Amino acid sequence: MAKHELASARAYDLADSATERLSEWRSRLILLSAGSLPGISETSFLGRELKGASVIAGMAELEAILREMLISIGECINSSQVRLRDLKPSLRALVAHSDFESLLALRDRSKVWPKRLGLTSLDEASEVAVFPERSFKSPQPPLDGKTIQTSHLALVWQVLGIENPIPEPSAFVIASLKKLTQIRNDVAHRNISIEEVFRQADRSANHLEQHLEHLVFLIIHISIEWASYLTDEKYLK
């Protein structure tokens, strides 16, 4: 079996699962837009709730695949016993995540500078890299627990040392992600009433279905990048 083959296959499996789930939501939105759901209209209670739930589901799938990608890549590199000096420089910041966090909480000021100096020599370190394990009590680094935005994607790609976090045509995907992020936060945190959330014309069931389609493109793009990152060992400098 090729190196990291199981992890690469899992990337595609998760994308397939997300695509299937979001296809179900998109189908319901198409029916809602066409007035083909008996007793449910876009302005009815169930119509608004359906639209809100579809957005939350979509953003949850995006967050899940980003989180699982970070965990999987970390696990694969850990199992490969890669030395710190052989990693892409940007990845060393992720390996040193707990050290950076401990610096913030360090009360013994005499230990601050020795720790800082140690972090500056990671490019020469011969120790085996150990990436953060799955985090259950806090966001998976470098994520911050907030609703995923384009800035999160850019940060993850920067840490991984790869380019093009947004698939082409990027303008459509970026616009859809921004819209879904805003709607998700408004619905989940009840920043405004759900009636107000979906009162705008560009938040119709038809528009939301198109936004979810673009989100599927993004999820598939992430899975492809995830798989190739491991298969081609892009984590090595």
Protein backbone atom coordinates (compact mmCIF):
# COMPACT_ATOMS: atom_id res chain seq x y z
CA MET A 1 0.00 0.00 0.00
CA ALA A 2 1.36 3.45 -0.96
CA LYS A 3 2.43 5.77 1.82
CA HIS A 4 -0.51 7.67 3.34
CA GLU A 5 -2.93 5.91 0.97
CA LEU A 6 -5.58 5.34 3.66
CA ALA A 7 -5.48 8.97 4.77
CA SER A 8 -5.72 10.17 1.16
CA ALA A 9 -8.69 7.90 0.56
CA ARG A 10 -10.37 9.27 3.68
CA ALA A 11 -10.07 12.78 2.28
CA TYR A 12 -12.16 11.78 -0.71
CA ASP A 13 -14.59 9.78 1.43
CA LEU A 14 -15.31 12.79 3.64
CA ALA A 15 -15.80 15.00 0.60
CA ASP A 16 -18.20 12.45 -0.90
CA SER A 17 -20.15 12.29 2.36
CA ALA A 18 -20.35 16.08 2.59
CA THR A 19 -21.38 16.35 -1.05
CA GLU A 20 -24.14 13.79 -0.56
CA ARG A 21 -25.49 15.55 2.53
CA LEU A 22 -25.44 18.97 0.90
CA SER A 23 -27.03 17.56 -2.25
CA GLU A 24 -30.00 16.55 -0.09
CA TRP A 25 -30.26 20.07 1.28
CA ARG A 26 -29.91 21.58 -2.17
CA SER A 27 -32.71 19.35 -3.44
CA ARG A 28 -34.98 20.56 -0.65
CA LEU A 29 -34.13 24.17 -1.42
CA ILE A 30 -34.95 23.66 -5.10
CA LEU A 31 -38.31 22.17 -4.15
CA LEU A 32 -38.95 25.04 -1.74
CA SER A 33 -38.10 27.60 -4.41
CA ALA A 34 -40.47 25.92 -6.85
CA GLY A 35 -43.29 25.78 -4.29
CA SER A 36 -43.25 21.98 -4.46
CA LEU A 37 -43.17 21.28 -0.72
CA PRO A 38 -46.82 20.90 0.34
CA GLY A 39 -47.84 23.47 2.91
CA ILE A 40 -44.39 25.09 3.06
CA SER A 41 -43.48 28.40 1.44
CA GLU A 42 -40.28 30.43 1.62
CA THR A 43 -41.89 32.88 4.04
CA SER A 44 -43.51 30.26 6.27
CA PHE A 45 -42.03 29.13 9.59
CA LEU A 46 -40.85 25.80 8.16
CA GLY A 47 -39.54 27.45 5.01
CA ARG A 48 -37.35 29.85 6.94
CA GLU A 49 -36.17 27.12 9.30
CA LEU A 50 -35.30 24.88 6.35
CA LYS A 51 -33.20 27.63 4.81
CA GLY A 52 -31.44 28.32 8.11
CA ALA A 53 -30.72 24.66 8.75
CA SER A 54 -29.31 24.18 5.25
CA VAL A 55 -26.79 26.98 5.79
CA ILE A 56 -25.71 25.68 9.20
CA ALA A 57 -25.30 22.19 7.74
CA GLY A 58 -23.16 23.50 4.90
CA MET A 59 -20.85 25.49 7.15
CA ALA A 60 -20.56 22.53 9.52
CA GLU A 61 -19.36 20.32 6.66
CA LEU A 62 -16.76 22.91 5.65
CA GLU A 63 -15.45 23.21 9.20
CA ALA A 64 -15.38 19.43 9.57
CA ILE A 65 -13.28 18.76 6.48
CA LEU A 66 -10.81 21.52 7.40
CA ARG A 67 -10.47 20.14 10.92
CA GLU A 68 -10.09 16.54 9.76
CA MET A 69 -7.52 17.58 7.16
CA LEU A 70 -5.35 19.21 9.83
CA ILE A 71 -5.65 16.20 12.13
CA SER A 72 -4.94 13.70 9.35
CA ILE A 73 -1.89 15.55 8.06
CA GLY A 74 -0.51 15.82 11.58
CA GLU A 75 -1.06 12.12 12.26
CA CYS A 76 0.57 11.09 8.98
CA ILE A 77 3.65 13.23 9.55
CA ASN A 78 3.91 11.99 13.13
CA SER A 79 3.85 8.39 11.95
CA SER A 80 6.53 9.16 9.34
CA GLN A 81 9.01 10.29 12.01
CA VAL A 82 10.08 13.43 10.14
CA ARG A 83 12.79 15.59 11.70
CA LEU A 84 11.93 19.22 12.37
CA ARG A 85 14.69 20.49 10.09
CA ASP A 86 13.24 18.50 7.19
CA LEU A 87 9.78 20.07 7.44
CA LYS A 88 8.51 23.01 5.46
CA PRO A 89 9.36 26.05 7.61
CA SER A 90 5.73 27.13 8.01
CA LEU A 91 4.80 23.75 9.50
CA ARG A 92 7.22 24.19 12.37
CA ALA A 93 4.95 26.89 13.77
CA LEU A 94 2.20 24.27 14.06
CA VAL A 95 4.53 21.77 15.72
CA ALA A 96 5.50 24.45 18.24
CA HIS A 97 1.88 25.46 18.93
CA SER A 98 1.90 24.28 22.56
CA ASP A 99 5.23 26.03 23.16
CA PHE A 100 3.88 29.30 21.85
CA GLU A 101 0.78 28.89 24.02
CA SER A 102 2.85 28.12 27.11
CA LEU A 103 4.86 31.31 26.58
CA LEU A 104 1.67 33.32 27.02
CA ALA A 105 0.99 31.69 30.39
CA LEU A 106 4.57 31.51 31.66
CA ARG A 107 4.89 33.32 35.00
CA ASP A 108 8.57 32.67 35.60
CA ARG A 109 10.06 35.45 33.49
CA SER A 110 13.54 33.93 33.74
CA LYS A 111 12.35 31.08 31.51
CA VAL A 112 10.78 33.23 28.81
CA TRP A 113 13.90 34.02 26.79
CA PRO A 114 15.36 30.50 26.88
CA LYS A 115 12.05 29.26 25.48
CA ARG A 116 12.02 31.96 22.82
CA LEU A 117 15.56 31.14 21.77
CA GLY A 118 14.66 27.48 21.54
CA LEU A 119 11.82 28.29 19.17
CA THR A 120 14.13 30.23 16.87
CA SER A 121 16.36 27.19 16.29
CA LEU A 122 13.67 24.80 15.02
CA ASP A 123 15.07 25.00 11.49
CA GLU A 124 18.21 23.23 12.72
CA ALA A 125 16.54 20.82 15.14
CA SER A 126 17.11 17.10 14.64
CA GLU A 127 14.24 16.09 16.92
CA VAL A 128 11.30 14.26 15.38
CA ALA A 129 8.36 16.58 14.71
CA VAL A 130 5.27 15.98 16.83
CA PHE A 131 2.11 17.67 15.59
CA PRO A 132 -0.87 18.51 17.83
CA GLU A 133 -3.25 15.60 18.38
CA ARG A 134 -7.01 15.83 17.90
CA SER A 135 -8.28 18.59 20.17
CA PHE A 136 -11.58 17.93 21.96
CA LYS A 137 -11.67 20.91 24.32
CA SER A 138 -10.39 23.67 22.04
CA PRO A 139 -10.24 24.44 18.30
CA GLN A 140 -7.82 22.42 16.21
CA PRO A 141 -4.83 24.72 15.59
CA PRO A 142 -4.51 26.93 13.65
CA LEU A 143 -8.33 27.26 13.63
CA ASP A 144 -9.86 29.55 16.26
CA GLY A 145 -13.34 28.09 16.70
CA LYS A 146 -15.08 30.87 14.78
CA THR A 147 -17.27 30.36 11.72
CA ILE A 148 -15.02 29.54 8.76
CA GLN A 149 -14.18 32.50 6.54
CA THR A 150 -11.80 33.00 3.63
CA SER A 151 -9.19 34.23 6.13
CA HIS A 152 -9.23 30.81 7.84
CA LEU A 153 -8.63 29.06 4.53
CA ALA A 154 -5.77 31.41 3.69
CA LEU A 155 -4.20 30.81 7.12
CA VAL A 156 -4.43 27.01 6.90
CA TRP A 157 -2.90 27.04 3.41
CA GLN A 158 -0.15 29.38 4.59
CA VAL A 159 0.69 27.08 7.52
CA LEU A 160 0.73 24.06 5.22
CA GLY A 161 2.95 25.95 2.79
CA ILE A 162 0.75 25.53 -0.29
CA GLU A 163 -1.07 27.92 -2.62
CA ASN A 164 -4.59 28.46 -3.95
CA PRO A 165 -6.94 27.89 -0.98
CA ILE A 166 -9.92 28.89 -3.14
CA PRO A 167 -10.78 26.94 -6.32
CA GLU A 168 -11.50 28.71 -9.60
CA PRO A 169 -13.65 30.58 -10.36
CA SER A 170 -12.64 31.99 -6.98
CA ALA A 171 -14.84 35.11 -7.06
CA PHE A 172 -18.04 33.05 -6.97
CA VAL A 173 -16.78 30.79 -4.18
CA ILE A 174 -15.56 33.73 -2.07
CA ALA A 175 -18.86 35.59 -2.47
CA SER A 176 -20.85 32.50 -1.51
CA LEU A 177 -18.68 31.74 1.50
CA LYS A 178 -19.01 35.31 2.78
CA LYS A 179 -22.77 35.17 2.39
CA LEU A 180 -23.10 31.77 4.09
CA THR A 181 -20.82 32.84 6.96
CA GLN A 182 -22.96 35.89 7.66
CA ILE A 183 -26.23 33.97 7.47
CA ARG A 184 -24.88 31.15 9.64
CA ASN A 185 -23.86 33.60 12.37
CA ASP A 186 -27.14 35.50 12.20
CA VAL A 187 -29.16 32.29 12.51
CA ALA A 188 -27.00 30.45 15.06
CA HIS A 189 -26.53 33.44 17.36
CA ARG A 190 -29.89 35.08 16.61
CA ASN A 191 -28.24 38.40 15.89
CA ILE A 192 -31.51 39.36 14.23
CA SER A 193 -34.84 37.58 13.88
CA ILE A 194 -34.96 34.73 11.39
CA GLU A 195 -37.69 36.63 9.52
CA GLU A 196 -35.23 39.48 9.02
CA VAL A 197 -32.39 37.13 8.04
CA PHE A 198 -34.30 35.83 5.04
CA ARG A 199 -36.18 38.99 4.14
CA GLN A 200 -33.46 40.06 1.72
CA ALA A 201 -34.01 39.07 -1.91
CA ASP A 202 -30.54 37.55 -2.29
CA ARG A 203 -31.27 35.02 0.47
CA SER A 204 -33.98 33.13 -1.34
CA ALA A 205 -33.99 29.34 -1.48
CA ASN A 206 -32.70 29.55 -5.05
CA HIS A 207 -29.76 31.76 -4.02
CA LEU A 208 -28.93 29.52 -1.06
CA GLU A 209 -28.90 26.46 -3.30
CA GLN A 210 -26.35 28.16 -5.55
CA HIS A 211 -24.23 29.15 -2.54
CA LEU A 212 -24.23 25.55 -1.30
CA GLU A 213 -23.20 24.37 -4.75
CA HIS A 214 -20.16 26.65 -4.57
CA LEU A 215 -19.47 25.34 -1.07
CA VAL A 216 -19.40 21.81 -2.48
CA PHE A 217 -16.78 22.95 -5.03
CA LEU A 218 -14.70 24.28 -2.13
CA ILE A 219 -15.03 21.09 -0.08
CA ILE A 220 -14.00 18.94 -3.05
CA HIS A 221 -11.04 21.27 -3.66
CA ILE A 222 -9.93 20.88 -0.03
CA SER A 223 -10.13 17.09 -0.26
CA ILE A 224 -8.01 17.04 -3.42
CA GLU A 225 -5.39 19.32 -1.84
CA TRP A 226 -5.41 17.20 1.33
CA ALA A 227 -4.85 13.96 -0.57
CA SER A 228 -2.11 15.33 -2.82
CA TYR A 229 -0.37 16.98 0.13
CA LEU A 230 0.12 13.57 1.71
CA THR A 231 0.66 11.51 -1.44
CA ASP A 232 3.30 13.90 -2.79
CA GLU A 233 4.82 14.52 0.67
CA LYS A 234 4.45 18.26 0.27
CA TYR A 235 5.18 18.68 3.96
CA LEU A 236 8.89 18.18 3.28
CA LYS A 237 10.99 21.24 2.49
